[in-house]
N, C-alpha and C. Protein backbone atom coordinates (compact mmCIF):
# COMPACT_ATOMS: atom_id res chain seq x y z
N MET A 1 0.85 -1.19 0.03
CA MET A 1 -0.04 -0.05 0.02
C MET A 1 0.88 1.17 0.02
N GLY A 2 0.38 2.22 -0.77
CA GLY A 2 1.15 3.45 -0.92
C GLY A 2 0.76 4.33 0.36
N LEU A 3 1.47 5.42 0.39
CA LEU A 3 1.27 6.36 1.48
C LEU A 3 -0.17 6.99 1.39
N PHE A 4 -0.73 7.24 0.18
CA PHE A 4 -1.94 7.88 0.08
C PHE A 4 -3.06 6.93 -0.43
N SER A 5 -2.81 5.73 -0.44
CA SER A 5 -3.92 4.79 -0.91
C SER A 5 -4.95 4.68 0.23
N LYS A 6 -6.16 4.34 -0.24
CA LYS A 6 -7.30 4.15 0.67
C LYS A 6 -7.28 2.76 1.21
N SER A 7 -7.62 2.75 2.46
CA SER A 7 -7.74 1.50 3.18
C SER A 7 -8.99 0.77 2.73
N LYS A 8 -8.86 -0.56 2.49
CA LYS A 8 -10.08 -1.30 2.14
C LYS A 8 -10.93 -1.61 3.23
N LYS A 9 -10.41 -1.46 4.47
CA LYS A 9 -11.23 -1.80 5.63
C LYS A 9 -12.20 -0.59 5.84
N THR A 10 -13.48 -0.91 5.86
CA THR A 10 -14.48 0.08 6.12
C THR A 10 -15.10 -0.26 7.39
N GLU A 11 -15.30 0.68 8.32
CA GLU A 11 -15.85 0.39 9.56
C GLU A 11 -17.09 1.28 9.78
N GLU A 12 -18.20 0.65 10.13
CA GLU A 12 -19.45 1.40 10.40
C GLU A 12 -19.36 2.08 11.72
N SER A 13 -19.83 3.25 11.83
CA SER A 13 -19.82 3.91 13.09
C SER A 13 -20.87 3.29 14.09
N PRO A 14 -20.49 3.15 15.29
CA PRO A 14 -21.45 2.61 16.27
C PRO A 14 -22.60 3.56 16.58
N PHE A 15 -22.42 4.83 16.18
CA PHE A 15 -23.49 5.86 16.39
C PHE A 15 -24.17 6.12 15.05
N GLU A 16 -25.46 5.90 15.05
CA GLU A 16 -26.16 6.24 13.85
C GLU A 16 -26.43 7.71 13.83
N GLU A 17 -26.24 8.35 12.64
CA GLU A 17 -26.51 9.73 12.53
C GLU A 17 -28.05 9.96 12.41
N LYS A 18 -28.56 10.68 13.31
CA LYS A 18 -30.02 10.93 13.25
C LYS A 18 -30.29 12.37 12.80
N LYS A 19 -31.19 12.52 11.86
CA LYS A 19 -31.57 13.81 11.41
C LYS A 19 -32.55 14.40 12.33
N ALA A 20 -32.40 15.67 12.65
CA ALA A 20 -33.34 16.33 13.53
C ALA A 20 -34.62 16.49 12.78
N LEU A 21 -35.74 16.16 13.40
CA LEU A 21 -37.05 16.32 12.87
C LEU A 21 -37.47 17.76 12.90
N LYS A 22 -38.22 18.20 11.92
CA LYS A 22 -38.67 19.58 11.81
C LYS A 22 -39.55 19.90 13.05
N ALA A 23 -40.34 18.97 13.44
CA ALA A 23 -41.26 19.22 14.58
C ALA A 23 -40.49 19.36 15.85
N ASP A 24 -39.24 18.93 15.96
CA ASP A 24 -38.44 19.11 17.10
C ASP A 24 -37.63 20.51 17.05
N GLN A 25 -37.78 21.19 16.03
CA GLN A 25 -37.05 22.39 15.85
C GLN A 25 -37.92 23.69 16.01
N ILE A 26 -39.16 23.48 16.42
CA ILE A 26 -40.11 24.55 16.55
C ILE A 26 -39.69 25.55 17.56
N PHE A 27 -39.77 26.84 17.19
CA PHE A 27 -39.51 27.95 18.12
C PHE A 27 -40.85 28.39 18.73
N TYR A 28 -41.03 28.28 20.02
CA TYR A 28 -42.24 28.73 20.76
C TYR A 28 -41.99 30.05 21.35
N ASP A 29 -42.96 30.96 21.32
CA ASP A 29 -42.88 32.24 21.97
C ASP A 29 -44.19 32.85 22.23
N SER A 30 -44.27 33.58 23.27
CA SER A 30 -45.47 34.31 23.61
C SER A 30 -45.05 35.83 23.34
N ALA A 31 -45.64 36.30 22.20
CA ALA A 31 -45.19 37.62 21.72
C ALA A 31 -45.66 38.68 22.77
N GLU A 32 -44.78 39.61 23.10
CA GLU A 32 -45.08 40.71 24.01
C GLU A 32 -44.94 42.04 23.34
N THR A 33 -44.46 42.06 22.15
CA THR A 33 -44.18 43.29 21.38
C THR A 33 -44.28 43.10 19.98
N ASP A 34 -44.53 44.18 19.22
CA ASP A 34 -44.56 44.15 17.79
C ASP A 34 -43.35 44.97 17.19
N ASP A 35 -42.31 45.03 18.04
CA ASP A 35 -41.13 45.75 17.60
C ASP A 35 -40.55 45.20 16.32
N ASP A 36 -40.13 46.08 15.43
CA ASP A 36 -39.62 45.63 14.18
C ASP A 36 -38.38 44.71 14.26
N ASN A 37 -37.51 44.96 15.16
CA ASN A 37 -36.37 44.06 15.32
C ASN A 37 -36.78 42.64 15.73
N TYR A 38 -37.78 42.54 16.53
CA TYR A 38 -38.34 41.33 17.03
C TYR A 38 -38.88 40.59 15.82
N LEU A 39 -39.72 41.24 15.00
CA LEU A 39 -40.36 40.68 13.85
C LEU A 39 -39.34 40.21 12.80
N ILE A 40 -38.25 40.94 12.67
CA ILE A 40 -37.17 40.55 11.72
C ILE A 40 -36.46 39.30 12.24
N SER A 41 -36.32 39.23 13.52
CA SER A 41 -35.70 38.02 14.03
C SER A 41 -36.53 36.74 13.91
N LEU A 42 -37.82 36.93 13.94
CA LEU A 42 -38.75 35.86 13.69
C LEU A 42 -38.76 35.46 12.18
N ALA A 43 -38.74 36.45 11.38
CA ALA A 43 -38.70 36.29 9.92
C ALA A 43 -37.40 35.50 9.54
N ASP A 44 -36.27 35.83 10.16
CA ASP A 44 -35.03 35.11 9.89
C ASP A 44 -35.13 33.70 10.29
N LYS A 45 -35.72 33.35 11.44
CA LYS A 45 -35.97 31.93 11.82
C LYS A 45 -36.77 31.20 10.76
N ILE A 46 -37.87 31.79 10.30
CA ILE A 46 -38.66 31.17 9.33
C ILE A 46 -37.93 30.93 8.03
N LYS A 47 -37.18 31.99 7.59
CA LYS A 47 -36.32 31.89 6.40
C LYS A 47 -35.33 30.79 6.45
N ASN A 48 -34.81 30.53 7.70
CA ASN A 48 -33.80 29.46 7.88
C ASN A 48 -34.40 28.07 8.11
N GLY A 49 -35.74 27.97 7.97
CA GLY A 49 -36.36 26.72 7.98
C GLY A 49 -36.91 26.25 9.32
N GLN A 50 -36.91 27.18 10.38
CA GLN A 50 -37.43 26.87 11.61
C GLN A 50 -38.88 27.29 11.79
N PRO A 51 -39.81 26.44 12.07
CA PRO A 51 -41.11 26.78 12.27
C PRO A 51 -41.30 27.52 13.52
N ILE A 52 -42.30 28.42 13.61
CA ILE A 52 -42.52 29.22 14.76
C ILE A 52 -44.01 29.12 15.20
N ILE A 53 -44.22 28.99 16.53
CA ILE A 53 -45.54 28.96 17.09
C ILE A 53 -45.55 30.18 18.08
N LEU A 54 -46.47 30.99 17.74
CA LEU A 54 -46.62 32.32 18.51
C LEU A 54 -47.94 32.42 19.15
N ASN A 55 -47.87 32.73 20.44
CA ASN A 55 -49.13 33.08 21.24
C ASN A 55 -49.23 34.58 21.23
N LEU A 56 -50.28 35.10 20.69
CA LEU A 56 -50.54 36.53 20.50
C LEU A 56 -51.54 37.04 21.59
N ALA A 57 -51.86 36.29 22.57
CA ALA A 57 -52.96 36.60 23.52
C ALA A 57 -52.69 37.86 24.33
N THR A 58 -51.41 38.17 24.63
CA THR A 58 -51.10 39.28 25.49
C THR A 58 -51.04 40.63 24.77
N LEU A 59 -51.12 40.57 23.43
CA LEU A 59 -51.07 41.80 22.68
C LEU A 59 -52.36 42.48 22.40
N GLU A 60 -52.29 43.77 22.09
CA GLU A 60 -53.44 44.49 21.62
C GLU A 60 -53.78 44.03 20.22
N ILE A 61 -54.98 44.19 19.80
CA ILE A 61 -55.45 43.65 18.46
C ILE A 61 -54.58 44.23 17.30
N ASP A 62 -54.24 45.53 17.38
CA ASP A 62 -53.46 46.13 16.41
C ASP A 62 -52.03 45.58 16.25
N GLN A 63 -51.49 45.27 17.48
CA GLN A 63 -50.14 44.62 17.50
C GLN A 63 -50.11 43.25 16.90
N ALA A 64 -51.16 42.49 17.28
CA ALA A 64 -51.30 41.17 16.79
C ALA A 64 -51.50 41.11 15.28
N ASN A 65 -52.29 42.04 14.80
CA ASN A 65 -52.56 42.10 13.36
C ASN A 65 -51.30 42.50 12.59
N LYS A 66 -50.41 43.46 13.18
CA LYS A 66 -49.18 43.82 12.50
C LYS A 66 -48.27 42.56 12.48
N ILE A 67 -48.18 41.74 13.50
CA ILE A 67 -47.26 40.61 13.45
C ILE A 67 -47.84 39.56 12.43
N ILE A 68 -49.10 39.27 12.42
CA ILE A 68 -49.72 38.37 11.50
C ILE A 68 -49.49 38.83 10.04
N ALA A 69 -49.67 40.09 9.81
CA ALA A 69 -49.50 40.61 8.44
C ALA A 69 -48.09 40.56 8.03
N PHE A 70 -47.19 40.91 8.90
CA PHE A 70 -45.74 40.86 8.49
C PHE A 70 -45.33 39.39 8.26
N LEU A 71 -45.63 38.51 9.19
CA LEU A 71 -45.19 37.11 9.06
C LEU A 71 -45.92 36.41 7.90
N SER A 72 -47.19 36.83 7.57
CA SER A 72 -47.85 36.26 6.41
C SER A 72 -47.11 36.54 5.15
N GLY A 73 -46.52 37.70 5.02
CA GLY A 73 -45.81 38.05 3.87
C GLY A 73 -44.54 37.18 3.74
N VAL A 74 -43.92 36.98 4.91
CA VAL A 74 -42.72 36.11 4.89
C VAL A 74 -43.03 34.72 4.44
N VAL A 75 -44.13 34.18 5.08
CA VAL A 75 -44.58 32.80 4.74
C VAL A 75 -45.00 32.66 3.30
N TYR A 76 -45.69 33.65 2.82
CA TYR A 76 -46.13 33.67 1.38
C TYR A 76 -44.90 33.64 0.45
N ALA A 77 -43.90 34.45 0.78
CA ALA A 77 -42.74 34.50 -0.07
C ALA A 77 -41.98 33.08 -0.14
N LEU A 78 -42.17 32.28 0.99
CA LEU A 78 -41.53 30.98 1.06
C LEU A 78 -42.48 29.85 0.63
N SER A 79 -43.60 30.23 0.14
CA SER A 79 -44.69 29.23 -0.23
C SER A 79 -45.04 28.35 0.94
N GLY A 80 -45.10 28.91 2.14
CA GLY A 80 -45.39 28.12 3.33
C GLY A 80 -46.85 28.20 3.74
N ASP A 81 -47.03 27.95 5.05
CA ASP A 81 -48.35 27.87 5.59
C ASP A 81 -48.44 28.55 6.92
N ILE A 82 -49.62 29.03 7.21
CA ILE A 82 -49.98 29.55 8.54
C ILE A 82 -51.06 28.66 9.09
N VAL A 83 -50.87 28.13 10.29
CA VAL A 83 -51.85 27.23 10.87
C VAL A 83 -52.39 27.90 12.15
N ASN A 84 -53.67 28.03 12.27
CA ASN A 84 -54.35 28.54 13.46
C ASN A 84 -54.46 27.36 14.44
N ILE A 85 -53.65 27.29 15.42
CA ILE A 85 -53.62 26.19 16.33
C ILE A 85 -54.77 26.22 17.34
N LYS A 86 -54.97 27.38 17.90
CA LYS A 86 -56.17 27.67 18.69
C LYS A 86 -56.28 29.21 18.76
N GLU A 87 -57.20 29.68 19.50
CA GLU A 87 -57.44 31.10 19.55
C GLU A 87 -56.19 31.86 20.04
N HIS A 88 -55.71 32.76 19.23
CA HIS A 88 -54.48 33.58 19.48
C HIS A 88 -53.22 32.92 19.31
N VAL A 89 -53.19 31.59 18.89
CA VAL A 89 -51.96 30.85 18.75
C VAL A 89 -51.84 30.41 17.29
N PHE A 90 -50.72 30.80 16.66
CA PHE A 90 -50.54 30.49 15.24
C PHE A 90 -49.14 29.93 14.97
N MET A 91 -49.07 29.03 13.98
CA MET A 91 -47.81 28.47 13.54
C MET A 91 -47.45 29.12 12.19
N PHE A 92 -46.31 29.62 11.99
CA PHE A 92 -45.81 30.17 10.76
C PHE A 92 -44.63 29.33 10.32
N ALA A 93 -44.70 28.83 9.06
CA ALA A 93 -43.65 27.91 8.60
C ALA A 93 -43.54 27.96 7.06
N GLY A 94 -42.31 27.75 6.62
CA GLY A 94 -42.05 27.64 5.17
C GLY A 94 -42.52 26.23 4.71
N LYS A 95 -42.48 26.03 3.43
CA LYS A 95 -43.01 24.68 2.92
C LYS A 95 -42.06 23.59 3.22
N ASP A 96 -40.81 23.82 3.41
CA ASP A 96 -39.82 22.77 3.70
C ASP A 96 -39.99 22.07 5.04
N VAL A 97 -40.79 22.62 5.95
CA VAL A 97 -40.99 21.99 7.30
C VAL A 97 -41.82 20.70 7.17
N TYR A 98 -42.55 20.54 6.03
CA TYR A 98 -43.36 19.37 5.91
C TYR A 98 -42.63 18.18 5.17
N ASP A 99 -41.37 18.30 4.83
CA ASP A 99 -40.59 17.37 4.11
C ASP A 99 -40.50 15.95 4.80
N ASP A 100 -40.27 16.00 6.07
CA ASP A 100 -39.99 14.78 6.78
C ASP A 100 -41.25 14.08 7.38
N GLY A 101 -42.39 14.79 7.33
CA GLY A 101 -43.67 14.15 7.78
C GLY A 101 -43.86 14.32 9.22
N SER A 102 -42.92 14.86 10.04
CA SER A 102 -43.08 14.97 11.44
C SER A 102 -44.02 16.18 11.81
N MET A 103 -44.09 17.16 11.02
CA MET A 103 -44.93 18.37 11.26
C MET A 103 -46.45 17.94 11.24
N GLU A 104 -46.79 17.14 10.23
CA GLU A 104 -48.15 16.73 10.17
C GLU A 104 -48.60 15.98 11.39
N ASP A 105 -47.77 15.01 11.81
CA ASP A 105 -48.03 14.30 13.05
C ASP A 105 -48.11 15.18 14.26
N PHE A 106 -47.25 16.14 14.36
CA PHE A 106 -47.30 17.06 15.44
C PHE A 106 -48.59 17.91 15.52
N LEU A 107 -49.01 18.38 14.28
CA LEU A 107 -50.13 19.22 14.21
C LEU A 107 -51.45 18.48 14.48
N LYS A 108 -51.46 17.22 14.08
CA LYS A 108 -52.64 16.41 14.35
C LYS A 108 -53.03 16.38 15.79
N GLY A 109 -52.02 16.36 16.65
CA GLY A 109 -52.27 16.26 18.04
C GLY A 109 -52.64 17.53 18.72
N ILE A 110 -52.40 18.71 18.12
CA ILE A 110 -52.68 19.97 18.83
C ILE A 110 -53.64 20.93 18.24
N VAL A 111 -53.93 20.74 16.95
CA VAL A 111 -54.83 21.71 16.27
C VAL A 111 -56.23 21.45 16.71
N GLU A 112 -57.00 22.50 17.13
CA GLU A 112 -58.36 22.42 17.60
C GLU A 112 -59.22 22.22 16.40
């Protein structure tokens, strides 16, 4: 064998590499503000493939509407979905969160 030749011995790792399920990557938050920097940070999470569940119950109606309108635009641009989980609680996510099937299973258990 040469110095740079490949070894013919292949060894399987004792640890299986597990992919993180999208349902396990959900960001949960109870929104307390409609500050632009906060909204941009939420939009960045959605753009990076992380689903967000927001509780808007503590906000004034105008603040909640601003958040829903802004994040709706983000989700629309990503061909994603908004799911009304229950009163004042919404999930915002891009279309890629449904790829592994875990999100559908998660939502079946919590959507009213």
